[in-house]
Protein backbone atom coordinates (compact mmCIF):
# COMPACT_ATOMS: atom_id res chain seq x y z
CA UNK A 1 4.19 -82.14 2.42
CA UNK A 2 3.50 -83.89 -0.30
CA UNK A 3 0.16 -81.89 -1.08
CA UNK A 4 1.95 -78.52 -1.36
CA UNK A 5 4.69 -80.02 -3.28
CA UNK A 6 2.10 -80.91 -5.75
CA UNK A 7 0.21 -77.80 -5.79
CA UNK A 8 3.44 -75.78 -6.84
CA UNK A 9 4.00 -78.28 -9.81
CA UNK A 10 0.81 -77.40 -10.72
CA UNK A 11 1.36 -73.48 -10.27
CA UNK A 12 4.65 -73.92 -12.80
CA UNK A 13 2.63 -76.15 -15.49
CA UNK A 14 0.25 -73.27 -15.59
CA UNK A 15 2.16 -70.45 -16.01
CA UNK A 16 4.14 -71.91 -18.30
CA UNK A 17 1.24 -72.74 -20.50
CA UNK A 18 -0.22 -69.14 -19.98
CA UNK A 19 3.56 -67.85 -20.76
CA UNK A 20 3.54 -70.30 -24.15
CA UNK A 21 0.26 -69.10 -24.65
CA UNK A 22 0.00 -65.05 -24.96
CA UNK A 23 3.44 -64.27 -25.17
CA UNK A 24 5.76 -61.83 -22.97
CA UNK A 25 4.22 -58.23 -23.54
CA UNK A 26 6.80 -55.59 -23.81
CA UNK A 27 5.08 -52.07 -24.49
CA UNK A 28 6.87 -51.83 -27.20
CA UNK A 29 3.89 -53.86 -29.63
CA UNK A 30 3.46 -51.64 -32.69
CA UNK A 31 0.01 -50.11 -32.90
CA UNK A 32 -2.58 -52.23 -35.00
CA UNK A 33 -3.12 -50.75 -38.65
CA UNK A 34 -6.32 -49.28 -38.26
CA UNK A 35 -5.32 -46.81 -36.10
CA UNK A 36 -3.50 -44.94 -39.31
CA UNK A 37 -6.81 -43.93 -40.58
CA UNK A 38 -8.48 -42.33 -37.18
CA UNK A 39 -8.28 -38.40 -38.96
CA UNK A 40 -5.89 -36.22 -36.40
CA UNK A 41 -4.95 -39.96 -34.58
CA UNK A 42 -1.39 -39.00 -33.63
CA UNK A 43 0.86 -41.88 -34.23
CA UNK A 44 4.75 -41.25 -33.13
CA UNK A 45 5.02 -44.80 -34.88
CA UNK A 46 4.22 -43.74 -38.38
CA UNK A 47 8.01 -44.45 -39.27
CA UNK A 48 7.44 -48.15 -38.75
CA UNK A 49 8.77 -49.91 -41.84
CA UNK A 50 5.43 -51.52 -42.88
CA UNK A 51 7.39 -53.82 -44.88
CA UNK A 52 9.01 -55.08 -41.65
CA UNK A 53 5.66 -56.33 -40.08
CA UNK A 54 2.68 -58.79 -41.01
CA UNK A 55 -0.21 -56.37 -41.80
CA UNK A 56 -3.73 -57.45 -41.83
CA UNK A 57 -5.00 -55.34 -44.76
CA UNK A 58 -9.12 -54.61 -44.22
CA UNK A 59 -12.03 -55.85 -45.93
CA UNK A 60 -12.20 -53.51 -48.85
CA UNK A 61 -16.23 -53.81 -48.95
CA UNK A 62 -16.17 -51.19 -46.48
CA UNK A 63 -16.29 -49.39 -49.50
CA UNK A 64 -20.34 -50.04 -49.94
CA UNK A 65 -20.80 -47.19 -46.85
CA UNK A 66 -21.06 -44.73 -49.77
CA UNK A 67 -23.94 -45.17 -51.95
CA UNK A 68 -23.60 -42.93 -54.74
CA UNK A 69 -21.04 -45.06 -57.45
CA UNK A 70 -18.61 -42.62 -57.69
CA UNK A 71 -17.77 -41.67 -54.49
CA UNK A 72 -16.92 -45.67 -54.08
CA UNK A 73 -14.98 -45.33 -56.52
CA UNK A 74 -13.10 -42.55 -54.85
CA UNK A 75 -12.95 -44.29 -51.57
CA UNK A 76 -11.82 -47.59 -53.52
CA UNK A 77 -9.02 -45.03 -55.39
CA UNK A 78 -7.91 -43.90 -52.04
CA UNK A 79 -7.28 -47.82 -50.89
CA UNK A 80 -5.04 -48.21 -53.56
CA UNK A 81 -3.06 -45.39 -52.76
CA UNK A 82 -2.82 -46.22 -49.53
CA UNK A 83 -3.43 -49.58 -48.28
CA UNK A 84 -4.06 -48.71 -44.99
CA UNK A 85 -7.37 -46.91 -45.66
CA UNK A 86 -10.78 -48.09 -44.22
CA UNK A 87 -13.56 -46.19 -44.57
CA UNK A 88 -15.33 -47.13 -41.75
CA UNK A 89 -12.36 -46.61 -39.65
CA UNK A 90 -11.87 -42.87 -40.96
CA UNK A 91 -15.67 -42.59 -40.80
CA UNK A 92 -15.73 -43.16 -37.24
CA UNK A 93 -12.69 -41.46 -36.59
CA UNK A 94 -13.70 -38.09 -38.50
CA UNK A 95 -17.28 -38.25 -36.09
CA UNK A 96 -15.03 -37.95 -33.22
CA UNK A 97 -12.94 -35.60 -34.88
CA UNK A 98 -16.10 -33.23 -35.85
CA UNK A 99 -17.61 -33.54 -32.02
CA UNK A 100 -14.50 -32.07 -30.94
CA UNK A 101 -13.93 -29.03 -33.61
CA UNK A 102 -17.37 -28.23 -33.18
CA UNK A 103 -16.59 -28.19 -29.03
CA UNK A 104 -13.12 -26.32 -29.48
CA UNK A 105 -14.68 -23.45 -31.60
CA UNK A 106 -17.64 -23.11 -29.36
CA UNK A 107 -14.93 -23.15 -26.50
CA UNK A 108 -13.07 -20.12 -28.59
CA UNK A 109 -10.13 -22.60 -27.92
CA UNK A 110 -7.62 -21.38 -30.68
CA UNK A 111 -4.98 -23.49 -29.84
CA UNK A 112 -7.11 -26.76 -29.81
CA UNK A 113 -7.94 -26.16 -33.18
CA UNK A 114 -4.31 -25.78 -34.75
CA UNK A 115 -3.92 -29.85 -34.71
CA UNK A 116 -7.28 -30.19 -36.88
CA UNK A 117 -7.78 -27.20 -39.31
CA UNK A 118 -5.24 -26.59 -42.17
CA UNK A 119 -4.12 -22.63 -41.95
CA UNK A 120 -6.93 -21.31 -44.43
CA UNK A 121 -10.04 -22.67 -41.99
CA UNK A 122 -7.70 -22.43 -38.92
CA UNK A 123 -7.56 -18.39 -39.97
CA UNK A 124 -11.30 -18.54 -40.59
CA UNK A 125 -12.28 -20.57 -37.30
CA UNK A 126 -10.01 -18.00 -35.53
CA UNK A 127 -11.69 -15.06 -36.96
CA UNK A 128 -14.92 -15.74 -35.87
CA UNK A 129 -13.60 -16.16 -32.26
CA UNK A 130 -12.53 -13.15 -32.42
CA UNK A 131 -15.34 -11.40 -33.92
CA UNK A 132 -17.49 -12.87 -31.54
CA UNK A 133 -15.32 -11.59 -28.70
CA UNK A 134 -15.15 -8.12 -29.47
CA UNK A 135 -19.33 -8.44 -29.53
CA UNK A 136 -19.08 -9.41 -25.51
CA UNK A 137 -20.58 -12.90 -27.10
CA UNK A 138 -20.29 -16.24 -26.31
CA UNK A 139 -21.71 -19.71 -27.03
CA UNK A 140 -23.56 -22.05 -24.89
CA UNK A 141 -23.74 -24.66 -26.97
CA UNK A 142 -23.96 -28.65 -26.39
CA UNK A 143 -23.91 -31.79 -28.63
CA UNK A 144 -26.22 -33.79 -27.72
CA UNK A 145 -25.85 -36.55 -31.22
CA UNK A 146 -24.63 -36.98 -34.22
CA UNK A 147 -27.69 -38.45 -35.64
CA UNK A 148 -25.75 -38.70 -39.45
CA UNK A 149 -22.25 -38.85 -41.24
CA UNK A 150 -22.16 -39.89 -44.95
CA UNK A 151 -19.60 -39.91 -47.38
CA UNK A 152 -20.79 -37.30 -50.47
CA UNK A 153 -17.02 -36.87 -52.20
CA UNK A 154 -13.90 -39.06 -52.51
CA UNK A 155 -10.88 -38.14 -54.87
CA UNK A 156 -7.36 -38.77 -54.96
CA UNK A 157 -4.86 -36.70 -57.21
CA UNK A 158 -1.43 -37.77 -57.40
CA UNK A 159 -0.91 -37.87 -53.72
CA UNK A 160 -3.64 -36.13 -52.48
CA UNK A 161 -6.71 -37.45 -51.24
CA UNK A 162 -9.63 -35.81 -50.17
CA UNK A 163 -12.95 -36.62 -48.79
CA UNK A 164 -16.30 -34.53 -47.77
CA UNK A 165 -18.71 -36.09 -45.13
CA UNK A 166 -22.24 -34.93 -44.78
CA UNK A 167 -22.64 -34.70 -40.91
CA UNK A 168 -26.37 -33.98 -39.31
CA UNK A 169 -26.46 -33.05 -35.56
CA UNK A 170 -28.51 -32.33 -32.77
CA UNK A 171 -27.05 -29.78 -30.47
CA UNK A 172 -28.33 -26.58 -27.63
CA UNK A 173 -27.44 -23.58 -29.15
CA UNK A 174 -27.37 -20.57 -27.13
CA UNK A 175 -25.81 -17.31 -27.40
CA UNK A 176 -25.07 -14.91 -24.44
CA UNK A 177 -23.90 -11.46 -23.92
CA UNK A 178 -21.47 -9.88 -21.72
CA UNK A 179 -24.10 -9.77 -18.66
CA UNK A 180 -24.87 -13.48 -19.53
CA UNK A 181 -28.42 -13.13 -21.20
CA UNK A 182 -29.69 -15.05 -23.53
CA UNK A 183 -29.18 -13.25 -26.88
CA UNK A 184 -30.52 -16.62 -29.56
CA UNK A 185 -31.52 -19.98 -28.86
CA UNK A 186 -32.75 -21.77 -25.89
CA UNK A 187 -31.61 -23.88 -23.59
CA UNK A 188 -34.68 -26.42 -24.03
CA UNK A 189 -34.57 -26.76 -27.22
CA UNK A 190 -32.40 -28.87 -30.01
CA UNK A 191 -31.65 -27.29 -33.11
CA UNK A 192 -30.37 -29.58 -36.36
CA UNK A 193 -26.98 -28.48 -37.33
CA UNK A 194 -26.10 -29.57 -40.95
CA UNK A 195 -22.32 -29.41 -41.94
CA UNK A 196 -20.44 -30.36 -45.42
CA UNK A 197 -16.43 -30.80 -44.28
CA UNK A 198 -13.96 -32.14 -46.24
CA UNK A 199 -10.75 -33.86 -44.87
CA UNK A 200 -7.48 -33.98 -47.13
CA UNK A 201 -4.11 -35.93 -46.45
CA UNK A 202 -0.74 -37.04 -48.48
CA UNK A 203 -1.55 -40.78 -49.01
CA UNK A 204 2.37 -41.13 -49.50
CA UNK A 205 3.08 -39.27 -45.81
CA UNK A 206 4.72 -41.23 -43.13
CA UNK A 207 2.05 -38.66 -41.23
CA UNK A 208 -1.73 -40.27 -40.77
CA UNK A 209 -3.27 -37.35 -39.96
CA UNK A 210 -5.63 -36.17 -42.11
CA UNK A 211 -6.92 -32.12 -42.08
CA UNK A 212 -9.49 -30.19 -42.28
CA UNK A 213 -8.91 -28.17 -45.53
CA UNK A 214 -13.10 -27.11 -46.02
CA UNK A 215 -15.89 -26.39 -44.17
CA UNK A 216 -19.42 -25.28 -45.42
CA UNK A 217 -23.46 -25.56 -44.54
CA UNK A 218 -25.98 -27.27 -45.28
């Protein structure tokens, strides 16, 4: 009986120590600051007053990701306008967004594109999807790897920030007709895709999302 009592006392002691070290998780803790910077990340807690909580700001040296001094200067300007901005987090988020947008476009998913694109770019993508359907064509494309993502432009003008990235990717690109016959591409041959995409955001907005506002090949 004495052994049981001692074991119970030890268990209670350990439980109290764990509670004091870890605290209580309620499920209502604020999101980490870096979660704001991923393009298109949906953050329903964007209305939280940033002044009411202590926030660890990311290291500004991350702008060294850009080789061009003008681009580094632009990224620094964006960071000064929005203290939450982190170039490294943005770059990783942009790569994910690049994949999601491509896959939605290839699948003809216009609804899936709405949250990512501004009206002009959405109309362009939707028009290309409509034309493809009218021609009885379908894409059987697959992203193999994003081999490079590089900052090539960054500027902030008053409230509007714009960042341009150059993406290089390896994809399988196959076009089929209405009968399922391959009319272009090869399922066993990867091709290189080169794109320049520009993302924009109002740095004074509570909405943390970046929007794709321009695309061009090359």
